[in-house]
PDB file of N, CA and C in Angstrom:
ATOM      1  N   MET A   1      91.233 -84.749  -5.634  1.00  0.00           N
ATOM      2  CA  MET A   1      90.987 -84.017  -4.401  1.00  0.00           C
ATOM      3  C   MET A   1      92.296 -83.758  -3.657  1.00  0.00           C
ATOM      4  N   ARG A   2      93.188 -84.760  -3.622  1.00  0.00           N
ATOM      5  CA  ARG A   2      94.475 -84.582  -2.944  1.00  0.00           C
ATOM      6  C   ARG A   2      95.313 -83.518  -3.639  1.00  0.00           C
ATOM      7  N   LYS A   3      95.261 -83.495  -4.969  1.00  0.00           N
ATOM      8  CA  LYS A   3      96.028 -82.482  -5.706  1.00  0.00           C
ATOM      9  C   LYS A   3      95.499 -81.087  -5.392  1.00  0.00           C
ATOM     10  N   LEU A   4      94.187 -80.939  -5.310  1.00  0.00           N
ATOM     11  CA  LEU A   4      93.581 -79.656  -4.990  1.00  0.00           C
ATOM     12  C   LEU A   4      93.969 -79.220  -3.578  1.00  0.00           C
ATOM     13  N   LEU A   5      93.923 -80.125  -2.631  1.00  0.00           N
ATOM     14  CA  LEU A   5      94.300 -79.830  -1.252  1.00  0.00           C
ATOM     15  C   LEU A   5      95.772 -79.428  -1.186  1.00  0.00           C
ATOM     16  N   ALA A   6      96.624 -80.151  -1.899  1.00  0.00           N
ATOM     17  CA  ALA A   6      98.051 -79.822  -1.926  1.00  0.00           C
ATOM     18  C   ALA A   6      98.273 -78.443  -2.529  1.00  0.00           C
ATOM     19  N   LEU A   7      97.546 -78.114  -3.596  1.00  0.00           N
ATOM     20  CA  LEU A   7      97.666 -76.811  -4.235  1.00  0.00           C
ATOM     21  C   LEU A   7      97.232 -75.697  -3.281  1.00  0.00           C
ATOM     22  N   VAL A   8      96.151 -75.917  -2.548  1.00  0.00           N
ATOM     23  CA  VAL A   8      95.681 -74.925  -1.582  1.00  0.00           C
ATOM     24  C   VAL A   8      96.713 -74.717  -0.486  1.00  0.00           C
ATOM     25  N   ILE A   9      97.290 -75.779   0.018  1.00  0.00           N
ATOM     26  CA  ILE A   9      98.294 -75.674   1.083  1.00  0.00           C
ATOM     27  C   ILE A   9      99.528 -74.936   0.579  1.00  0.00           C
ATOM     28  N   VAL A  10      99.998 -75.266  -0.605  1.00  0.00           N
ATOM     29  CA  VAL A  10     101.170 -74.595  -1.174  1.00  0.00           C
ATOM     30  C   VAL A  10     100.869 -73.113  -1.395  1.00  0.00           C
ATOM     31  N   SER A  11      99.693 -72.800  -1.908  1.00  0.00           N
ATOM     32  CA  SER A  11      99.313 -71.406  -2.148  1.00  0.00           C
ATOM     33  C   SER A  11      99.235 -70.619  -0.843  1.00  0.00           C
ATOM     34  N   ALA A  12      98.626 -71.207   0.175  1.00  0.00           N
ATOM     35  CA  ALA A  12      98.501 -70.529   1.463  1.00  0.00           C
ATOM     36  C   ALA A  12      99.871 -70.302   2.101  1.00  0.00           C
ATOM     37  N   THR A  13     100.744 -71.286   2.007  1.00  0.00           N
ATOM     38  CA  THR A  13     102.091 -71.158   2.558  1.00  0.00           C
ATOM     39  C   THR A  13     102.866 -70.076   1.821  1.00  0.00           C
ATOM     40  N   SER A  14     102.770 -70.052   0.511  1.00  0.00           N
ATOM     41  CA  SER A  14     103.463 -69.039  -0.283  1.00  0.00           C
ATOM     42  C   SER A  14     102.966 -67.644   0.055  1.00  0.00           C
ATOM     43  N   ALA A  15     101.672 -67.493   0.216  1.00  0.00           N
ATOM     44  CA  ALA A  15     101.100 -66.190   0.556  1.00  0.00           C
ATOM     45  C   ALA A  15     101.568 -65.734   1.938  1.00  0.00           C
ATOM     46  N   ALA A  16     101.605 -66.648   2.886  1.00  0.00           N
ATOM     47  CA  ALA A  16     102.051 -66.304   4.238  1.00  0.00           C
ATOM     48  C   ALA A  16     103.509 -65.885   4.237  1.00  0.00           C
ATOM     49  N   LEU A  17     104.329 -66.544   3.451  1.00  0.00           N
ATOM     50  CA  LEU A  17     105.744 -66.192   3.381  1.00  0.00           C
ATOM     51  C   LEU A  17     105.969 -64.890   2.629  1.00  0.00           C
ATOM     52  N   ALA A  18     105.088 -64.549   1.730  1.00  0.00           N
ATOM     53  CA  ALA A  18     105.234 -63.331   0.938  1.00  0.00           C
ATOM     54  C   ALA A  18     104.814 -62.084   1.701  1.00  0.00           C
ATOM     55  N   LEU A  19     103.981 -62.191   2.719  1.00  0.00           N
ATOM     56  CA  LEU A  19     103.497 -61.019   3.438  1.00  0.00           C
ATOM     57  C   LEU A  19     104.614 -60.153   4.018  1.00  0.00           C
ATOM     58  N   PRO A  20     105.645 -60.720   4.670  1.00  0.00           N
ATOM     59  CA  PRO A  20     106.716 -59.861   5.162  1.00  0.00           C
ATOM     60  C   PRO A  20     107.418 -59.106   4.037  1.00  0.00           C
ATOM     61  N   ALA A  21     107.438 -59.660   2.844  1.00  0.00           N
ATOM     62  CA  ALA A  21     108.083 -58.980   1.729  1.00  0.00           C
ATOM     63  C   ALA A  21     107.319 -57.727   1.331  1.00  0.00           C
ATOM     64  N   LEU A  22     106.041 -57.629   1.675  1.00  0.00           N
ATOM     65  CA  LEU A  22     105.245 -56.455   1.351  1.00  0.00           C
ATOM     66  C   LEU A  22     105.511 -55.287   2.294  1.00  0.00           C
ATOM     67  N   ALA A  23     106.191 -55.539   3.392  1.00  0.00           N
ATOM     68  CA  ALA A  23     106.482 -54.483   4.344  1.00  0.00           C
ATOM     69  C   ALA A  23     107.396 -53.446   3.701  1.00  0.00           C
ATOM     70  N   ALA A  24     107.164 -52.193   4.055  1.00  0.00           N
ATOM     71  CA  ALA A  24     107.920 -51.088   3.469  1.00  0.00           C
ATOM     72  C   ALA A  24     108.969 -50.578   4.449  1.00  0.00           C
ATOM     73  N   THR A  25     109.918 -49.820   3.924  1.00  0.00           N
ATOM     74  CA  THR A  25     110.875 -49.110   4.753  1.00  0.00           C
ATOM     75  C   THR A  25     110.662 -47.626   4.526  1.00  0.00           C
ATOM     76  N   LYS A  26     110.426 -46.894   5.607  1.00  0.00           N
ATOM     77  CA  LYS A  26     110.284 -45.445   5.536  1.00  0.00           C
ATOM     78  C   LYS A  26     111.579 -44.826   6.020  1.00  0.00           C
ATOM     79  N   SER A  27     111.994 -43.770   5.374  1.00  0.00           N
ATOM     80  CA  SER A  27     113.196 -43.050   5.777  1.00  0.00           C
ATOM     81  C   SER A  27     112.812 -41.698   6.355  1.00  0.00           C
ATOM     82  N   VAL A  28     113.409 -41.374   7.488  1.00  0.00           N
ATOM     83  CA  VAL A  28     113.148 -40.103   8.159  1.00  0.00           C
ATOM     84  C   VAL A  28     114.489 -39.475   8.495  1.00  0.00           C
ATOM     85  N   ASP A  29     114.694 -38.233   8.058  1.00  0.00           N
ATOM     86  CA  ASP A  29     115.905 -37.505   8.417  1.00  0.00           C
ATOM     87  C   ASP A  29     115.658 -36.740   9.706  1.00  0.00           C
ATOM     88  N   VAL A  30     116.609 -36.812  10.619  1.00  0.00           N
ATOM     89  CA  VAL A  30     116.536 -36.086  11.883  1.00  0.00           C
ATOM     90  C   VAL A  30     117.587 -34.991  11.824  1.00  0.00           C
ATOM     91  N   GLY A  31     117.153 -33.752  11.908  1.00  0.00           N
ATOM     92  CA  GLY A  31     118.102 -32.650  11.802  1.00  0.00           C
ATOM     93  C   GLY A  31     117.604 -31.421  12.527  1.00  0.00           C
ATOM     94  N   ASP A  32     118.288 -30.319  12.306  1.00  0.00           N
ATOM     95  CA  ASP A  32     118.003 -29.067  12.985  1.00  0.00           C
ATOM     96  C   ASP A  32     117.125 -28.172  12.104  1.00  0.00           C
ATOM     97  N   ASN A  33     116.103 -27.590  12.702  1.00  0.00           N
ATOM     98  CA  ASN A  33     115.284 -26.559  12.074  1.00  0.00           C
ATOM     99  C   ASN A  33     114.557 -27.007  10.815  1.00  0.00           C
ATOM    100  N   TRP A  34     114.026 -28.196  10.793  1.00  0.00           N
ATOM    101  CA  TRP A  34     113.204 -28.656   9.678  1.00  0.00           C
ATOM    102  C   TRP A  34     111.767 -28.706  10.120  1.00  0.00           C
ATOM    103  N   PHE A  35     110.873 -28.442   9.200  1.00  0.00           N
ATOM    104  CA  PHE A  35     109.459 -28.454   9.533  1.00  0.00           C
ATOM    105  C   PHE A  35     108.727 -29.392   8.593  1.00  0.00           C
ATOM    106  N   VAL A  36     107.898 -30.260   9.150  1.00  0.00           N
ATOM    107  CA  VAL A  36     107.110 -31.173   8.340  1.00  0.00           C
ATOM    108  C   VAL A  36     105.718 -30.625   8.088  1.00  0.00           C
ATOM    109  N   ARG A  37     105.289 -29.690   8.877  1.00  0.00           N
ATOM    110  CA  ARG A  37     104.014 -28.999   8.656  1.00  0.00           C
ATOM    111  C   ARG A  37     104.010 -27.747   9.515  1.00  0.00           C
ATOM    112  N   SER A  38     103.047 -26.889   9.288  1.00  0.00           N
ATOM    113  CA  SER A  38     103.078 -25.571   9.916  1.00  0.00           C
ATOM    114  C   SER A  38     102.964 -25.610  11.440  1.00  0.00           C
ATOM    115  N   ARG A  39     102.264 -26.609  11.982  1.00  0.00           N
ATOM    116  CA  ARG A  39     102.176 -26.712  13.444  1.00  0.00           C
ATOM    117  C   ARG A  39     101.957 -28.171  13.841  1.00  0.00           C
ATOM    118  N   GLY A  40     102.237 -28.440  15.094  1.00  0.00           N
ATOM    119  CA  GLY A  40     102.064 -29.796  15.592  1.00  0.00           C
ATOM    120  C   GLY A  40     103.377 -30.544  15.672  1.00  0.00           C
ATOM    121  N   VAL A  41     103.324 -31.658  16.317  1.00  0.00           N
ATOM    122  CA  VAL A  41     104.506 -32.493  16.513  1.00  0.00           C
ATOM    123  C   VAL A  41     104.587 -33.497  15.382  1.00  0.00           C
ATOM    124  N   PRO A  42     105.779 -33.801  14.887  1.00  0.00           N
ATOM    125  CA  PRO A  42     105.919 -34.749  13.776  1.00  0.00           C
ATOM    126  C   PRO A  42     105.370 -36.132  14.105  1.00  0.00           C
ATOM    127  N   THR A  43     104.770 -36.739  13.108  1.00  0.00           N
ATOM    128  CA  THR A  43     104.267 -38.092  13.246  1.00  0.00           C
ATOM    129  C   THR A  43     104.776 -38.945  12.096  1.00  0.00           C
ATOM    130  N   VAL A  44     104.808 -40.235  12.331  1.00  0.00           N
ATOM    131  CA  VAL A  44     105.138 -41.218  11.306  1.00  0.00           C
ATOM    132  C   VAL A  44     104.019 -42.250  11.315  1.00  0.00           C
ATOM    133  N   THR A  45     103.405 -42.485  10.160  1.00  0.00           N
ATOM    134  CA  THR A  45     102.338 -43.467  10.045  1.00  0.00           C
ATOM    135  C   THR A  45     102.872 -44.674   9.301  1.00  0.00           C
ATOM    136  N   VAL A  46     102.696 -45.856   9.892  1.00  0.00           N
ATOM    137  CA  VAL A  46     103.249 -47.083   9.319  1.00  0.00           C
ATOM    138  C   VAL A  46     102.212 -48.197   9.343  1.00  0.00           C
ATOM    139  N   LYS A  47     102.472 -49.194   8.534  1.00  0.00           N
ATOM    140  CA  LYS A  47     101.695 -50.427   8.575  1.00  0.00           C
ATOM    141  C   LYS A  47     102.469 -51.434   9.413  1.00  0.00           C
ATOM    142  N   ARG A  48     101.783 -52.464   9.845  1.00  0.00           N
ATOM    143  CA  ARG A  48     102.423 -53.528  10.625  1.00  0.00           C
ATOM    144  C   ARG A  48     103.591 -54.113   9.838  1.00  0.00           C
ATOM    145  N   ASN A  49     104.711 -54.305  10.496  1.00  0.00           N
ATOM    146  CA  ASN A  49     105.960 -54.860   9.970  1.00  0.00           C
ATOM    147  C   ASN A  49     106.744 -53.924   9.066  1.00  0.00           C
ATOM    148  N   ASP A  50     106.307 -52.663   8.919  1.00  0.00           N
ATOM    149  CA  ASP A  50     107.148 -51.688   8.219  1.00  0.00           C
ATOM    150  C   ASP A  50     108.379 -51.422   9.066  1.00  0.00           C
ATOM    151  N   THR A  51     109.452 -51.027   8.423  1.00  0.00           N
ATOM    152  CA  THR A  51     110.663 -50.610   9.113  1.00  0.00           C
ATOM    153  C   THR A  51     110.829 -49.117   8.908  1.00  0.00           C
ATOM    154  N   VAL A  52     111.163 -48.408   9.990  1.00  0.00           N
ATOM    155  CA  VAL A  52     111.455 -46.986   9.883  1.00  0.00           C
ATOM    156  C   VAL A  52     112.939 -46.815  10.140  1.00  0.00           C
ATOM    157  N   ARG A  53     113.565 -46.046   9.251  1.00  0.00           N
ATOM    158  CA  ARG A  53     115.013 -45.789   9.323  1.00  0.00           C
ATOM    159  C   ARG A  53     115.206 -44.301   9.554  1.00  0.00           C
ATOM    160  N   TRP A  54     115.648 -43.927  10.763  1.00  0.00           N
ATOM    161  CA  TRP A  54     115.931 -42.537  11.074  1.00  0.00           C
ATOM    162  C   TRP A  54     117.409 -42.287  10.786  1.00  0.00           C
ATOM    163  N   ARG A  55     117.680 -41.266   9.976  1.00  0.00           N
ATOM    164  CA  ARG A  55     119.052 -40.906   9.619  1.00  0.00           C
ATOM    165  C   ARG A  55     119.374 -39.579  10.303  1.00  0.00           C
ATOM    166  N   PHE A  56     120.389 -39.559  11.145  1.00  0.00           N
ATOM    167  CA  PHE A  56     120.755 -38.377  11.924  1.00  0.00           C
ATOM    168  C   PHE A  56     121.740 -37.541  11.117  1.00  0.00           C
ATOM    169  N   VAL A  57     121.277 -36.353  10.686  1.00  0.00           N
ATOM    170  CA  VAL A  57     122.092 -35.516   9.810  1.00  0.00           C
ATOM    171  C   VAL A  57     122.265 -34.096  10.343  1.00  0.00           C
ATOM    172  N   GLY A  58     121.740 -33.794  11.500  1.00  0.00           N
ATOM    173  CA  GLY A  58     121.850 -32.440  12.048  1.00  0.00           C
ATOM    174  C   GLY A  58     123.217 -32.195  12.649  1.00  0.00           C
ATOM    175  N   ASP A  59     123.436 -30.959  13.052  1.00  0.00           N
ATOM    176  CA  ASP A  59     124.699 -30.592  13.698  1.00  0.00           C
ATOM    177  C   ASP A  59     124.696 -30.927  15.182  1.00  0.00           C
ATOM    178  N   ARG A  60     123.485 -30.966  15.778  1.00  0.00           N
ATOM    179  CA  ARG A  60     123.372 -31.235  17.204  1.00  0.00           C
ATOM    180  C   ARG A  60     122.967 -32.685  17.438  1.00  0.00           C
ATOM    181  N   PRO A  61     123.299 -33.225  18.615  1.00  0.00           N
ATOM    182  CA  PRO A  61     122.839 -34.587  18.931  1.00  0.00           C
ATOM    183  C   PRO A  61     121.332 -34.595  19.187  1.00  0.00           C
ATOM    184  N   HIS A  62     120.690 -35.688  18.780  1.00  0.00           N
ATOM    185  CA  HIS A  62     119.252 -35.851  18.930  1.00  0.00           C
ATOM    186  C   HIS A  62     118.950 -37.297  19.307  1.00  0.00           C
ATOM    187  N   ASN A  63     117.709 -37.534  19.664  1.00  0.00           N
ATOM    188  CA  ASN A  63     117.213 -38.896  19.775  1.00  0.00           C
ATOM    189  C   ASN A  63     115.797 -38.933  19.232  1.00  0.00           C
ATOM    190  N   VAL A  64     115.249 -40.106  19.108  1.00  0.00           N
ATOM    191  CA  VAL A  64     113.906 -40.316  18.594  1.00  0.00           C
ATOM    192  C   VAL A  64     113.109 -40.989  19.707  1.00  0.00           C
ATOM    193  N   VAL A  65     112.011 -40.359  20.109  1.00  0.00           N
ATOM    194  CA  VAL A  65     111.181 -40.901  21.189  1.00  0.00           C
ATOM    195  C   VAL A  65     109.731 -40.930  20.712  1.00  0.00           C
ATOM    196  N   ALA A  66     109.117 -42.096  20.768  1.00  0.00           N
ATOM    197  CA  ALA A  66     107.694 -42.222  20.445  1.00  0.00           C
ATOM    198  C   ALA A  66     106.919 -41.925  21.716  1.00  0.00           C
ATOM    199  N   THR A  67     106.239 -40.769  21.731  1.00  0.00           N
ATOM    200  CA  THR A  67     105.482 -40.374  22.921  1.00  0.00           C
ATOM    201  C   THR A  67     104.030 -40.820  22.842  1.00  0.00           C
ATOM    202  N   ARG A  68     103.561 -41.099  21.625  1.00  0.00           N
ATOM    203  CA  ARG A  68     102.210 -41.631  21.418  1.00  0.00           C
ATOM    204  C   ARG A  68     102.258 -42.627  20.279  1.00  0.00           C
ATOM    205  N   GLY A  69     101.350 -43.568  20.333  1.00  0.00           N
ATOM    206  CA  GLY A  69     101.267 -44.573  19.287  1.00  0.00           C
ATOM    207  C   GLY A  69     101.062 -45.942  19.882  1.00  0.00           C
ATOM    208  N   PRO A  70     100.933 -46.938  19.033  1.00  0.00           N
ATOM    209  CA  PRO A  70     100.680 -48.296  19.516  1.00  0.00           C
ATOM    210  C   PRO A  70     101.794 -48.857  20.401  1.00  0.00           C
ATOM    211  N   VAL A  71     103.043 -48.426  20.180  1.00  0.00           N
ATOM    212  CA  VAL A  71     104.184 -48.917  20.960  1.00  0.00           C
ATOM    213  C   VAL A  71     105.085 -47.727  21.274  1.00  0.00           C
ATOM    214  N   ARG A  72     105.574 -47.634  22.490  1.00  0.00           N
ATOM    215  CA  ARG A  72     106.524 -46.582  22.865  1.00  0.00           C
ATOM    216  C   ARG A  72     107.936 -47.131  22.691  1.00  0.00           C
ATOM    217  N   PHE A  73     108.852 -46.251  22.250  1.00  0.00           N
ATOM    218  CA  PHE A  73     110.254 -46.636  22.111  1.00  0.00           C
ATOM    219  C   PHE A  73     111.110 -45.386  22.104  1.00  0.00           C
ATOM    220  N   ARG A  74     112.419 -45.568  22.228  1.00  0.00           N
ATOM    221  CA  ARG A  74     113.362 -44.443  22.152  1.00  0.00           C
ATOM    222  C   ARG A  74     114.676 -44.948  21.576  1.00  0.00           C
ATOM    223  N   SER A  75     115.332 -44.064  20.871  1.00  0.00           N
ATOM    224  CA  SER A  75     116.634 -44.386  20.294  1.00  0.00           C
ATOM    225  C   SER A  75     117.727 -43.886  21.230  1.00  0.00           C
ATOM    226  N   PRO A  76     118.946 -44.351  21.012  1.00  0.00           N
ATOM    227  CA  PRO A  76     120.061 -43.722  21.720  1.00  0.00           C
ATOM    228  C   PRO A  76     120.289 -42.313  21.161  1.00  0.00           C
ATOM    229  N   VAL A  77     121.016 -41.496  21.905  1.00  0.00           N
ATOM    230  CA  VAL A  77     121.375 -40.161  21.436  1.00  0.00           C
ATOM    231  C   VAL A  77     122.428 -40.308  20.347  1.00  0.00           C
ATOM    232  N   LYS A  78     122.194 -39.608  19.213  1.00  0.00           N
ATOM    233  CA  LYS A  78     123.102 -39.714  18.073  1.00  0.00           C
ATOM    234  C   LYS A  78     123.238 -38.349  17.408  1.00  0.00           C
ATOM    235  N   SER A  79     124.392 -38.102  16.805  1.00  0.00           N
ATOM    236  CA  SER A  79     124.557 -36.911  15.971  1.00  0.00           C
ATOM    237  C   SER A  79     124.878 -37.313  14.537  1.00  0.00           C
ATOM    238  N   SER A  80     125.034 -38.607  14.299  1.00  0.00           N
ATOM    239  CA  SER A  80     125.214 -39.130  12.944  1.00  0.00           C
ATOM    240  C   SER A  80     124.826 -40.606  12.955  1.00  0.00           C
ATOM    241  N   GLY A  81     124.740 -41.176  11.774  1.00  0.00           N
ATOM    242  CA  GLY A  81     124.391 -42.589  11.681  1.00  0.00           C
ATOM    243  C   GLY A  81     122.892 -42.794  11.562  1.00  0.00           C
ATOM    244  N   VAL A  82     122.450 -44.026  11.836  1.00  0.00           N
ATOM    245  CA  VAL A  82     121.041 -44.367  11.683  1.00  0.00           C
ATOM    246  C   VAL A  82     120.530 -45.136  12.899  1.00  0.00           C
ATOM    247  N   PHE A  83     119.215 -45.094  13.048  1.00  0.00           N
ATOM    248  CA  PHE A  83     118.493 -45.908  14.022  1.00  0.00           C
ATOM    249  C   PHE A  83     117.337 -46.529  13.265  1.00  0.00           C
ATOM    250  N   LYS A  84     117.244 -47.862  13.290  1.00  0.00           N
ATOM    251  CA  LYS A  84     116.165 -48.572  12.596  1.00  0.00           C
ATOM    252  C   LYS A  84     115.275 -49.261  13.613  1.00  0.00           C
ATOM    253  N   ARG A  85     113.989 -49.316  13.265  1.00  0.00           N
ATOM    254  CA  ARG A  85     113.048 -50.046  14.119  1.00  0.00           C
ATOM    255  C   ARG A  85     111.981 -50.681  13.241  1.00  0.00           C
ATOM    256  N   LYS A  86     111.787 -51.982  13.429  1.00  0.00           N
ATOM    257  CA  LYS A  86     110.704 -52.683  12.763  1.00  0.00           C
ATOM    258  C   LYS A  86     109.456 -52.472  13.612  1.00  0.00           C
ATOM    259  N   MET A  87     108.425 -51.927  12.999  1.00  0.00           N
ATOM    260  CA  MET A  87     107.210 -51.589  13.717  1.00  0.00           C
ATOM    261  C   MET A  87     106.279 -52.795  13.721  1.00  0.00           C
ATOM    262  N   THR A  88     106.147 -53.423  14.866  1.00  0.00           N
ATOM    263  CA  THR A  88     105.336 -54.632  14.978  1.00  0.00           C
ATOM    264  C   THR A  88     103.843 -54.319  15.015  1.00  0.00           C
ATOM    265  N   ARG A  89     103.509 -53.056  15.259  1.00  0.00           N
ATOM    266  CA  ARG A  89     102.101 -52.647  15.264  1.00  0.00           C
ATOM    267  C   ARG A  89     101.952 -51.411  14.387  1.00  0.00           C
ATOM    268  N   GLY A  90     101.015 -51.475  13.476  1.00  0.00           N
ATOM    269  CA  GLY A  90     100.761 -50.348  12.592  1.00  0.00           C
ATOM    270  C   GLY A  90     100.043 -49.227  13.316  1.00  0.00           C
ATOM    271  N   GLY A  91     100.144 -48.025  12.752  1.00  0.00           N
ATOM    272  CA  GLY A  91      99.455 -46.875  13.323  1.00  0.00           C
ATOM    273  C   GLY A  91     100.262 -45.617  13.128  1.00  0.00           C
ATOM    274  N   THR A  92      99.835 -44.570  13.807  1.00  0.00           N
ATOM    275  CA  THR A  92     100.527 -43.290  13.746  1.00  0.00           C
ATOM    276  C   THR A  92     101.272 -43.087  15.057  1.00  0.00           C
ATOM    277  N   TYR A  93     102.551 -42.786  14.940  1.00  0.00           N
ATOM    278  CA  TYR A  93     103.428 -42.585  16.082  1.00  0.00           C
ATOM    279  C   TYR A  93     103.807 -41.107  16.166  1.00  0.00           C
ATOM    280  N   ARG A  94     103.674 -40.536  17.345  1.00  0.00           N
ATOM    281  CA  ARG A  94     104.114 -39.159  17.585  1.00  0.00           C
ATOM    282  C   ARG A  94     105.567 -39.228  18.020  1.00  0.00           C
ATOM    283  N   ILE A  95     106.439 -38.537  17.294  1.00  0.00           N
ATOM    284  CA  ILE A  95     107.882 -38.632  17.507  1.00  0.00           C
ATOM    285  C   ILE A  95     108.430 -37.274  17.934  1.00  0.00           C
ATOM    286  N   VAL A  96     109.228 -37.251  18.975  1.00  0.00           N
ATOM    287  CA  VAL A  96     109.889 -36.022  19.421  1.00  0.00           C
ATOM    288  C   VAL A  96     111.351 -36.318  19.734  1.00  0.00           C
ATOM    289  N   CYS A  97     112.115 -35.254  19.862  1.00  0.00           N
ATOM    290  CA  CYS A  97     113.492 -35.345  20.352  1.00  0.00           C
ATOM    291  C   CYS A  97     113.441 -34.968  21.824  1.00  0.00           C
ATOM    292  N   GLU A  98     113.750 -35.910  22.670  1.00  0.00           N
ATOM    293  CA  GLU A  98     113.677 -35.701  24.115  1.00  0.00           C
ATOM    294  C   GLU A  98     114.712 -34.690  24.593  1.00  0.00           C
ATOM    295  N   ILE A  99     115.834 -34.606  23.917  1.00  0.00           N
ATOM    296  CA  ILE A  99     116.920 -33.714  24.320  1.00  0.00           C
ATOM    297  C   ILE A  99     116.503 -32.254  24.202  1.00  0.00           C
ATOM    298  N   HIS A 100     115.790 -31.924  23.138  1.00  0.00           N
ATOM    299  CA  HIS A 100     115.449 -30.538  22.862  1.00  0.00           C
ATOM    300  C   HIS A 100     114.033 -30.178  23.283  1.00  0.00           C
ATOM    301  N   GLY A 101     113.414 -31.015  24.045  1.00  0.00           N
ATOM    302  CA  GLY A 101     112.107 -30.701  24.599  1.00  0.00           C
ATOM    303  C   GLY A 101     110.974 -31.225  23.749  1.00  0.00           C
ATOM    304  N   ARG A 102     109.937 -31.654  24.403  1.00  0.00           N
ATOM    305  CA  ARG A 102     108.803 -32.254  23.709  1.00  0.00           C
ATOM    306  C   ARG A 102     108.023 -31.247  22.876  1.00  0.00           C
ATOM    307  N   SER A 103     108.137 -29.976  23.164  1.00  0.00           N
ATOM    308  CA  SER A 103     107.380 -28.999  22.388  1.00  0.00           C
ATOM    309  C   SER A 103     108.280 -28.075  21.576  1.00  0.00           C
ATOM    310  N   ASP A 104     109.569 -28.372  21.491  1.00  0.00           N
ATOM    311  CA  ASP A 104     110.513 -27.544  20.749  1.00  0.00           C
ATOM    312  C   ASP A 104     110.293 -27.712  19.258  1.00  0.00           C
ATOM    313  N   GLN A 105     109.679 -26.713  18.623  1.00  0.00           N
ATOM    314  CA  GLN A 105     109.399 -26.804  17.195  1.00  0.00           C
ATOM    315  C   GLN A 105     110.617 -26.488  16.339  1.00  0.00           C
ATOM    316  N   SER A 106     111.764 -26.144  16.955  1.00  0.00           N
ATOM    317  CA  SER A 106     112.958 -25.902  16.157  1.00  0.00           C
ATOM    318  C   SER A 106     113.657 -27.208  15.800  1.00  0.00           C
ATOM    319  N   MET A 107     113.244 -28.302  16.393  1.00  0.00           N
ATOM    320  CA  MET A 107     113.845 -29.606  16.098  1.00  0.00           C
ATOM    321  C   MET A 107     112.749 -30.542  15.675  1.00  0.00           C
ATOM    322  N   VAL A 108     112.635 -30.791  14.382  1.00  0.00           N
ATOM    323  CA  VAL A 108     111.598 -31.653  13.878  1.00  0.00           C
ATOM    324  C   VAL A 108     112.181 -32.651  12.879  1.00  0.00           C
ATOM    325  N   LEU A 109     111.358 -33.547  12.400  1.00  0.00           N
ATOM    326  CA  LEU A 109     111.795 -34.602  11.503  1.00  0.00           C
ATOM    327  C   LEU A 109     111.325 -34.345  10.088  1.00  0.00           C
ATOM    328  N   LYS A 110     112.081 -34.801   9.129  1.00  0.00           N
ATOM    329  CA  LYS A 110     111.681 -34.703   7.716  1.00  0.00           C
ATOM    330  C   LYS A 110     111.445 -36.114   7.216  1.00  0.00           C
ATOM    331  N   VAL A 111     110.171 -36.438   6.939  1.00  0.00           N
ATOM    332  CA  VAL A 111     109.822 -37.770   6.443  1.00  0.00           C
ATOM    333  C   VAL A 111     110.012 -37.764   4.938  1.00  0.00           C
ATOM    334  N   ARG A 112     110.807 -38.725   4.438  1.00  0.00           N
ATOM    335  CA  ARG A 112     111.047 -38.820   2.990  1.00  0.00           C
ATOM    336  C   ARG A 112     110.232 -39.933   2.417  1.00  0.00           C
TER     337      ARG A 112
END
């Protein structure tokens, strides 16, 4: 009985430690004049503990602002480099560039 209990505890601990390893990393390019779909504001859908990596590749400076979703956040203004965020709550996030206006369809994200 003790061996069985020990095996259950070890298995449960291993499973709990392995869960963060299942988290994914999504890459999103932020640039000028890209379209992710014919209409609407770009969204990113993630699971809990996924990391999203925004790569700034456009000619103009941009930022990333979550206007809808389980958690609101914003990146610094960047024209190159990356912004990473570990998403502590899963769901769909509506993302816009605050600099170029919340409804500016000329500045959108490309989810890879």
